[in-house]
Amino acid sequence: RAGRGCVVNFEPIIDAILRAEQGYVDHPDDRGGPTNHGITLAVARANGYDGDMRDLPVSLAREIYRRRYIVAPAFDKVAAINAEIAAELIDTGVNMGPARAAEFLQRLLNGLNAQGSRYPDLFVDGRIGKVTLDALAAFLRWRGLDGVKVILRGLNSQQAMRYLDIAENNPSQESFLYGWLLHRVN
């Protein structure tokens, strides 16, 4: 658990993502196409990589994770409040997009604010800013370690339901539901 001003080492979080992603994959039902180290073709191209996806360097994947899935969505700022919550947001962001992960957190914080008596309702925009960070800090000051558990359970619950929605709305994605629930929801 990190607190304000603490430096968080993101390498173990990235290591866990790399283990879950398991290298190069080109599943015919994967809408992201060829993927290596969890980085899709589109994301690799957007980050200047023009080689074969089989050859994507793990060092580049790590840099993309840091830039696109930790710093850009401000999950590093969440980590300064609580590293466990940040790790969950990062992992969800890699798999569903950082904005979706941020929306999950914002929705939870709205539902857990005692009808606005602990902190104001958030505008659910999928962006972590000062208001969201202040709300998270206020919630954790109020609820403590049990609050961390509740946020983590709530994030994972929303993630699981989103995976089920994806599979129900596109049967080709059923190929991935079991693995998503096994490896991504914990």
Foldseek 3Di string as FASTA:
>chain_A
DAAAPDQDDCVVLLVLLLVLVPAWDADPLDPLGIAGSLAGPVLCVVVPDDDDRNPPDVVVVVVCLCPQQDPVLVLSVVVNHPVVLSSLLSLLCSVPNNLVSQLLLLVVLQVPCVVQPQHHRDDSGSGDDDRSSVSLNSQCVVVPPVSVVVSLQSSLVVSLVVLVVVCVVPVSSVVCNVSCCVSRRD
